[in-house]
All heavy atoms as atom14 arrays in JSON, in Angstrom:
{
  "sequence": "NVAVRVGAQGIGFAIPVDKAMQIACELISAKRLQ",
  "atom14_mask": [
    [1, 1, 1, 1, 1, 1, 1, 1, 0, 0, 0, 0, 0, 0],
    [1, 1, 1, 1, 1, 1, 1, 0, 0, 0, 0, 0, 0, 0],
    [1, 1, 1, 1, 1, 0, 0, 0, 0, 0, 0, 0, 0, 0],
    [1, 1, 1, 1, 1, 1, 1, 0, 0, 0, 0, 0, 0, 0],
    [1, 1, 1, 1, 1, 1, 1, 1, 1, 1, 1, 0, 0, 0],
    [1, 1, 1, 1, 1, 1, 1, 0, 0, 0, 0, 0, 0, 0],
    [1, 1, 1, 1, 0, 0, 0, 0, 0, 0, 0, 0, 0, 0],
    [1, 1, 1, 1, 1, 0, 0, 0, 0, 0, 0, 0, 0, 0],
    [1, 1, 1, 1, 1, 1, 1, 1, 1, 0, 0, 0, 0, 0],
    [1, 1, 1, 1, 0, 0, 0, 0, 0, 0, 0, 0, 0, 0],
    [1, 1, 1, 1, 1, 1, 1, 1, 0, 0, 0, 0, 0, 0],
    [1, 1, 1, 1, 0, 0, 0, 0, 0, 0, 0, 0, 0, 0],
    [1, 1, 1, 1, 1, 1, 1, 1, 1, 1, 1, 0, 0, 0],
    [1, 1, 1, 1, 1, 0, 0, 0, 0, 0, 0, 0, 0, 0],
    [1, 1, 1, 1, 1, 1, 1, 1, 0, 0, 0, 0, 0, 0],
    [1, 1, 1, 1, 1, 1, 1, 0, 0, 0, 0, 0, 0, 0],
    [1, 1, 1, 1, 1, 1, 1, 0, 0, 0, 0, 0, 0, 0],
    [1, 1, 1, 1, 1, 1, 1, 1, 0, 0, 0, 0, 0, 0],
    [1, 1, 1, 1, 1, 1, 1, 1, 1, 0, 0, 0, 0, 0],
    [1, 1, 1, 1, 1, 0, 0, 0, 0, 0, 0, 0, 0, 0],
    [1, 1, 1, 1, 1, 1, 1, 1, 0, 0, 0, 0, 0, 0],
    [1, 1, 1, 1, 1, 1, 1, 1, 1, 0, 0, 0, 0, 0],
    [1, 1, 1, 1, 1, 1, 1, 1, 0, 0, 0, 0, 0, 0],
    [1, 1, 1, 1, 1, 0, 0, 0, 0, 0, 0, 0, 0, 0],
    [1, 1, 1, 1, 1, 1, 0, 0, 0, 0, 0, 0, 0, 0],
    [1, 1, 1, 1, 1, 1, 1, 1, 1, 0, 0, 0, 0, 0],
    [1, 1, 1, 1, 1, 1, 1, 1, 0, 0, 0, 0, 0, 0],
    [1, 1, 1, 1, 1, 1, 1, 1, 0, 0, 0, 0, 0, 0],
    [1, 1, 1, 1, 1, 1, 0, 0, 0, 0, 0, 0, 0, 0],
    [1, 1, 1, 1, 1, 0, 0, 0, 0, 0, 0, 0, 0, 0],
    [1, 1, 1, 1, 1, 1, 1, 1, 1, 0, 0, 0, 0, 0],
    [1, 1, 1, 1, 1, 1, 1, 1, 1, 1, 1, 0, 0, 0],
    [1, 1, 1, 1, 1, 1, 1, 1, 0, 0, 0, 0, 0, 0],
    [1, 1, 1, 1, 1, 1, 1, 1, 1, 0, 0, 0, 0, 0]
  ],
  "atom14_positions": [
    [[0.84, -1.19, 0.0], [0.0, 0.0, 0.0], [0.88, 1.25, 0.0], [1.82, 1.36, 0.78], [-0.91, 0.0, 1.22], [-1.84, -1.19, 1.24], [-2.39, -1.57, 0.21], [-2.02, -1.81, 2.39], [0.0, 0.0, 0.0], [0.0, 0.0, 0.0], [0.0, 0.0, 0.0], [0.0, 0.0, 0.0], [0.0, 0.0, 0.0], [0.0, 0.0, 0.0]],
    [[0.53, 2.18, -0.88], [1.45, 3.3, -1.07], [0.79, 4.67, -1.07], [1.43, 5.66, -0.73], [2.25, 3.1, -2.39], [1.35, 3.25, -3.6], [3.41, 4.05, -2.48], [0.0, 0.0, 0.0], [0.0, 0.0, 0.0], [0.0, 0.0, 0.0], [0.0, 0.0, 0.0], [0.0, 0.0, 0.0], [0.0, 0.0, 0.0], [0.0, 0.0, 0.0]],
    [[-0.46, 4.78, -1.48], [-1.02, 6.12, -1.64], [-2.53, 6.1, -1.53], [-3.19, 5.09, -1.8], [-0.62, 6.71, -3.01], [0.0, 0.0, 0.0], [0.0, 0.0, 0.0], [0.0, 0.0, 0.0], [0.0, 0.0, 0.0], [0.0, 0.0, 0.0], [0.0, 0.0, 0.0], [0.0, 0.0, 0.0], [0.0, 0.0, 0.0], [0.0, 0.0, 0.0]],
    [[-3.07, 7.25, -1.15], [-4.51, 7.48, -1.15], [-4.78, 8.71, -1.99], [-3.91, 9.56, -2.18], [-5.08, 7.67, 0.27], [-4.95, 6.41, 1.08], [-4.39, 8.84, 0.98], [0.0, 0.0, 0.0], [0.0, 0.0, 0.0], [0.0, 0.0, 0.0], [0.0, 0.0, 0.0], [0.0, 0.0, 0.0], [0.0, 0.0, 0.0], [0.0, 0.0, 0.0]],
    [[-5.97, 8.81, -2.5], [-6.37, 9.97, -3.27], [-7.03, 10.94, -2.32], [-8.09, 10.68, -1.76], [-7.36, 9.57, -4.37], [-7.68, 10.67, -5.35], [-6.51, 10.94, -6.27], [-6.82, 11.98, -7.24], [-5.97, 12.39, -8.17], [-4.76, 11.86, -8.22], [-6.3, 13.33, -9.03], [0.0, 0.0, 0.0], [0.0, 0.0, 0.0], [0.0, 0.0, 0.0]],
    [[-6.39, 12.09, -2.09], [-6.88, 13.05, -1.12], [-8.28, 13.52, -1.53], [-8.52, 13.9, -2.67], [-5.92, 14.27, -1.03], [-6.49, 15.31, -0.07], [-4.55, 13.81, -0.59], [0.0, 0.0, 0.0], [0.0, 0.0, 0.0], [0.0, 0.0, 0.0], [0.0, 0.0, 0.0], [0.0, 0.0, 0.0], [0.0, 0.0, 0.0], [0.0, 0.0, 0.0]],
    [[-9.2, 13.47, -0.56], [-10.56, 13.93, -0.81], [-11.47, 12.87, -1.39], [-12.68, 13.08, -1.48], [0.0, 0.0, 0.0], [0.0, 0.0, 0.0], [0.0, 0.0, 0.0], [0.0, 0.0, 0.0], [0.0, 0.0, 0.0], [0.0, 0.0, 0.0], [0.0, 0.0, 0.0], [0.0, 0.0, 0.0], [0.0, 0.0, 0.0], [0.0, 0.0, 0.0]],
    [[-10.92, 11.74, -1.79], [-11.74, 10.67, -2.38], [-12.04, 9.61, -1.34], [-11.31, 9.45, -0.36], [-11.04, 10.06, -3.58], [0.0, 0.0, 0.0], [0.0, 0.0, 0.0], [0.0, 0.0, 0.0], [0.0, 0.0, 0.0], [0.0, 0.0, 0.0], [0.0, 0.0, 0.0], [0.0, 0.0, 0.0], [0.0, 0.0, 0.0], [0.0, 0.0, 0.0]],
    [[-13.09, 8.87, -1.54], [-13.45, 7.77, -0.66], [-13.41, 6.47, -1.44], [-13.87, 6.39, -2.57], [-14.85, 7.99, -0.08], [-14.95, 9.21, 0.84], [-16.33, 9.35, 1.46], [-17.2, 8.51, 1.23], [-16.51, 10.38, 2.25], [0.0, 0.0, 0.0], [0.0, 0.0, 0.0], [0.0, 0.0, 0.0], [0.0, 0.0, 0.0], [0.0, 0.0, 0.0]],
    [[-12.84, 5.44, -0.81], [-12.8, 4.13, -1.46], [-11.83, 4.04, -2.61], [-12.01, 3.21, -3.5], [0.0, 0.0, 0.0], [0.0, 0.0, 0.0], [0.0, 0.0, 0.0], [0.0, 0.0, 0.0], [0.0, 0.0, 0.0], [0.0, 0.0, 0.0], [0.0, 0.0, 0.0], [0.0, 0.0, 0.0], [0.0, 0.0, 0.0], [0.0, 0.0, 0.0]],
    [[-10.81, 4.91, -2.6], [-9.79, 4.84, -3.64], [-8.42, 4.81, -3.0], [-7.96, 5.82, -2.43], [-9.88, 6.04, -4.63], [-11.25, 6.05, -5.31], [-8.78, 5.95, -5.68], [-11.43, 7.2, -6.29], [0.0, 0.0, 0.0], [0.0, 0.0, 0.0], [0.0, 0.0, 0.0], [0.0, 0.0, 0.0], [0.0, 0.0, 0.0], [0.0, 0.0, 0.0]],
    [[-7.77, 3.67, -3.04], [-6.41, 3.52, -2.54], [-5.57, 2.81, -3.57], [-6.1, 2.21, -4.53], [0.0, 0.0, 0.0], [0.0, 0.0, 0.0], [0.0, 0.0, 0.0], [0.0, 0.0, 0.0], [0.0, 0.0, 0.0], [0.0, 0.0, 0.0], [0.0, 0.0, 0.0], [0.0, 0.0, 0.0], [0.0, 0.0, 0.0], [0.0, 0.0, 0.0]],
    [[-4.25, 2.85, -3.39], [-3.36, 2.29, -4.4], [-2.25, 1.48, -3.74], [-1.83, 1.77, -2.61], [-2.75, 3.4, -5.26], [-3.78, 4.22, -5.99], [-4.26, 5.4, -5.46], [-4.28, 3.78, -7.21], [-5.21, 6.16, -6.12], [-5.23, 4.53, -7.89], [-5.7, 5.72, -7.35], [0.0, 0.0, 0.0], [0.0, 0.0, 0.0], [0.0, 0.0, 0.0]],
    [[-1.76, 0.49, -4.48], [-0.69, -0.38, -3.98], [0.26, -0.71, -5.11], [-0.14, -0.84, -6.28], [-1.28, -1.66, -3.39], [0.0, 0.0, 0.0], [0.0, 0.0, 0.0], [0.0, 0.0, 0.0], [0.0, 0.0, 0.0], [0.0, 0.0, 0.0], [0.0, 0.0, 0.0], [0.0, 0.0, 0.0], [0.0, 0.0, 0.0], [0.0, 0.0, 0.0]],
    [[1.55, -0.85, -4.77], [2.56, -1.29, -5.73], [2.42, -2.79, -5.9], [2.39, -3.53, -4.91], [3.97, -0.96, -5.22], [4.13, 0.56, -5.01], [5.03, -1.48, -6.16], [5.42, 0.94, -4.3], [0.0, 0.0, 0.0], [0.0, 0.0, 0.0], [0.0, 0.0, 0.0], [0.0, 0.0, 0.0], [0.0, 0.0, 0.0], [0.0, 0.0, 0.0]],
    [[2.31, -3.3, -7.13], [2.2, -4.75, -7.34], [3.37, -5.49, -6.69], [4.51, -5.04, -6.76], [2.22, -4.89, -8.86], [1.74, -3.57, -9.38], [2.26, -2.55, -8.4], [0.0, 0.0, 0.0], [0.0, 0.0, 0.0], [0.0, 0.0, 0.0], [0.0, 0.0, 0.0], [0.0, 0.0, 0.0], [0.0, 0.0, 0.0], [0.0, 0.0, 0.0]],
    [[3.09, -6.62, -6.07], [4.12, -7.32, -5.29], [5.26, -7.83, -6.16], [6.42, -7.86, -5.72], [3.49, -8.48, -4.48], [3.13, -9.65, -5.38], [4.43, -8.91, -3.36], [0.0, 0.0, 0.0], [0.0, 0.0, 0.0], [0.0, 0.0, 0.0], [0.0, 0.0, 0.0], [0.0, 0.0, 0.0], [0.0, 0.0, 0.0], [0.0, 0.0, 0.0]],
    [[4.99, -8.21, -7.41], [6.08, -8.69, -8.27], [7.11, -7.58, -8.49], [8.32, -7.83, -8.46], [5.53, -9.18, -9.61], [4.72, -10.46, -9.48], [4.88, -11.15, -8.44], [3.93, -10.77, -10.38], [0.0, 0.0, 0.0], [0.0, 0.0, 0.0], [0.0, 0.0, 0.0], [0.0, 0.0, 0.0], [0.0, 0.0, 0.0], [0.0, 0.0, 0.0]],
    [[6.64, -6.37, -8.7], [7.56, -5.23, -8.87], [8.24, -4.92, -7.56], [9.45, -4.65, -7.51], [6.79, -4.01, -9.37], [7.65, -2.78, -9.59], [6.83, -1.63, -10.15], [7.71, -0.41, -10.42], [6.92, 0.71, -11.01], [0.0, 0.0, 0.0], [0.0, 0.0, 0.0], [0.0, 0.0, 0.0], [0.0, 0.0, 0.0], [0.0, 0.0, 0.0]],
    [[7.49, -4.94, -6.46], [8.07, -4.62, -5.14], [9.16, -5.61, -4.76], [10.21, -5.23, -4.23], [6.97, -4.61, -4.08], [0.0, 0.0, 0.0], [0.0, 0.0, 0.0], [0.0, 0.0, 0.0], [0.0, 0.0, 0.0], [0.0, 0.0, 0.0], [0.0, 0.0, 0.0], [0.0, 0.0, 0.0], [0.0, 0.0, 0.0], [0.0, 0.0, 0.0]],
    [[8.96, -6.9, -5.05], [9.96, -7.9, -4.71], [11.19, -7.8, -5.61], [12.3, -8.1, -5.19], [9.36, -9.3, -4.78], [8.33, -9.59, -3.7], [8.97, -9.38, -2.01], [8.27, -7.76, -1.57], [0.0, 0.0, 0.0], [0.0, 0.0, 0.0], [0.0, 0.0, 0.0], [0.0, 0.0, 0.0], [0.0, 0.0, 0.0], [0.0, 0.0, 0.0]],
    [[10.99, -7.37, -6.84], [12.13, -7.13, -7.73], [13.0, -6.01, -7.18], [14.23, -6.11, -7.14], [11.63, -6.78, -9.13], [12.75, -6.46, -10.12], [12.21, -6.0, -11.46], [11.01, -6.03, -11.72], [13.1, -5.57, -12.32], [0.0, 0.0, 0.0], [0.0, 0.0, 0.0], [0.0, 0.0, 0.0], [0.0, 0.0, 0.0], [0.0, 0.0, 0.0]],
    [[12.36, -4.94, -6.72], [13.11, -3.82, -6.13], [13.74, -4.25, -4.81], [14.9, -3.92, -4.53], [12.18, -2.61, -5.91], [11.61, -2.12, -7.25], [12.92, -1.48, -5.21], [12.64, -1.68, -8.25], [0.0, 0.0, 0.0], [0.0, 0.0, 0.0], [0.0, 0.0, 0.0], [0.0, 0.0, 0.0], [0.0, 0.0, 0.0], [0.0, 0.0, 0.0]],
    [[13.0, -5.01, -3.99], [13.54, -5.48, -2.71], [14.78, -6.34, -2.93], [15.74, -6.27, -2.16], [12.48, -6.26, -1.94], [0.0, 0.0, 0.0], [0.0, 0.0, 0.0], [0.0, 0.0, 0.0], [0.0, 0.0, 0.0], [0.0, 0.0, 0.0], [0.0, 0.0, 0.0], [0.0, 0.0, 0.0], [0.0, 0.0, 0.0], [0.0, 0.0, 0.0]],
    [[14.76, -7.16, -3.99], [15.91, -7.99, -4.32], [17.14, -7.13, -4.57], [18.25, -7.44, -4.12], [15.59, -8.85, -5.54], [16.92, -9.92, -6.08], [0.0, 0.0, 0.0], [0.0, 0.0, 0.0], [0.0, 0.0, 0.0], [0.0, 0.0, 0.0], [0.0, 0.0, 0.0], [0.0, 0.0, 0.0], [0.0, 0.0, 0.0], [0.0, 0.0, 0.0]],
    [[16.96, -6.03, -5.29], [18.07, -5.12, -5.56], [18.52, -4.41, -4.29], [19.72, -4.19, -4.08], [17.66, -4.11, -6.63], [17.32, -4.73, -7.98], [16.71, -3.73, -8.95], [16.64, -2.54, -8.58], [16.33, -4.13, -10.06], [0.0, 0.0, 0.0], [0.0, 0.0, 0.0], [0.0, 0.0, 0.0], [0.0, 0.0, 0.0], [0.0, 0.0, 0.0]],
    [[17.56, -4.04, -3.44], [17.89, -3.28, -2.24], [18.67, -4.09, -1.2], [19.42, -3.52, -0.41], [16.61, -2.73, -1.6], [15.86, -1.66, -2.41], [14.6, -1.22, -1.68], [16.75, -0.45, -2.7], [0.0, 0.0, 0.0], [0.0, 0.0, 0.0], [0.0, 0.0, 0.0], [0.0, 0.0, 0.0], [0.0, 0.0, 0.0], [0.0, 0.0, 0.0]],
    [[18.48, -5.42, -1.18], [19.21, -6.24, -0.2], [20.31, -7.06, -0.87], [20.88, -7.96, -0.24], [18.26, -7.18, 0.57], [17.64, -8.21, -0.38], [17.2, -6.39, 1.33], [16.89, -9.33, 0.36], [0.0, 0.0, 0.0], [0.0, 0.0, 0.0], [0.0, 0.0, 0.0], [0.0, 0.0, 0.0], [0.0, 0.0, 0.0], [0.0, 0.0, 0.0]],
    [[20.6, -6.76, -2.13], [21.57, -7.57, -2.86], [22.96, -7.49, -2.24], [23.35, -6.48, -1.65], [21.64, -7.13, -4.32], [22.18, -5.83, -4.43], [0.0, 0.0, 0.0], [0.0, 0.0, 0.0], [0.0, 0.0, 0.0], [0.0, 0.0, 0.0], [0.0, 0.0, 0.0], [0.0, 0.0, 0.0], [0.0, 0.0, 0.0], [0.0, 0.0, 0.0]],
    [[23.7, -8.59, -2.39], [25.08, -8.62, -1.9], [25.92, -7.56, -2.6], [26.83, -6.97, -2.01], [25.67, -10.01, -2.16], [0.0, 0.0, 0.0], [0.0, 0.0, 0.0], [0.0, 0.0, 0.0], [0.0, 0.0, 0.0], [0.0, 0.0, 0.0], [0.0, 0.0, 0.0], [0.0, 0.0, 0.0], [0.0, 0.0, 0.0], [0.0, 0.0, 0.0]],
    [[25.6, -7.3, -3.84], [26.31, -6.27, -4.61], [26.12, -4.9, -3.98], [27.07, -4.12, -3.87], [25.76, -6.28, -6.04], [26.32, -5.21, -6.96], [25.69, -5.35, -8.35], [26.13, -4.25, -9.29], [25.52, -4.39, -10.63], [0.0, 0.0, 0.0], [0.0, 0.0, 0.0], [0.0, 0.0, 0.0], [0.0, 0.0, 0.0], [0.0, 0.0, 0.0]],
    [[24.91, -4.61, -3.53], [24.61, -3.29, -2.98], [25.05, -3.14, -1.53], [25.62, -2.12, -1.14], [23.11, -3.02, -3.1], [22.69, -1.61, -2.67], [21.2, -1.42, -2.81], [20.8, -0.05, -2.54], [20.23, 0.75, -3.41], [20.02, 0.35, -4.65], [19.87, 1.98, -3.07], [0.0, 0.0, 0.0], [0.0, 0.0, 0.0], [0.0, 0.0, 0.0]],
    [[24.8, -4.14, -0.72], [25.04, -4.0, 0.72], [26.45, -4.4, 1.14], [27.0, -3.82, 2.08], [24.02, -4.84, 1.51], [22.56, -4.45, 1.36], [21.7, -5.25, 2.33], [22.35, -2.95, 1.58], [0.0, 0.0, 0.0], [0.0, 0.0, 0.0], [0.0, 0.0, 0.0], [0.0, 0.0, 0.0], [0.0, 0.0, 0.0], [0.0, 0.0, 0.0]],
    [[27.02, -5.42, 0.49], [28.34, -5.89, 0.92], [29.43, -5.7, -0.13], [30.58, -6.06, 0.1], [28.28, -7.38, 1.27], [27.46, -7.69, 2.52], [26.13, -8.37, 2.19], [25.07, -7.82, 2.44], [26.18, -9.55, 1.6], [0.0, 0.0, 0.0], [0.0, 0.0, 0.0], [0.0, 0.0, 0.0], [0.0, 0.0, 0.0], [0.0, 0.0, 0.0]]
  ]
}
């Protein structure tokens, strides 16, 4: 879950998990952290 539409009701947004896990893989990668 990432965002809401200000002033709107029943409208919320989320980053798809496949994309989120791809980014998470890069963020914890051995290349990046170690």
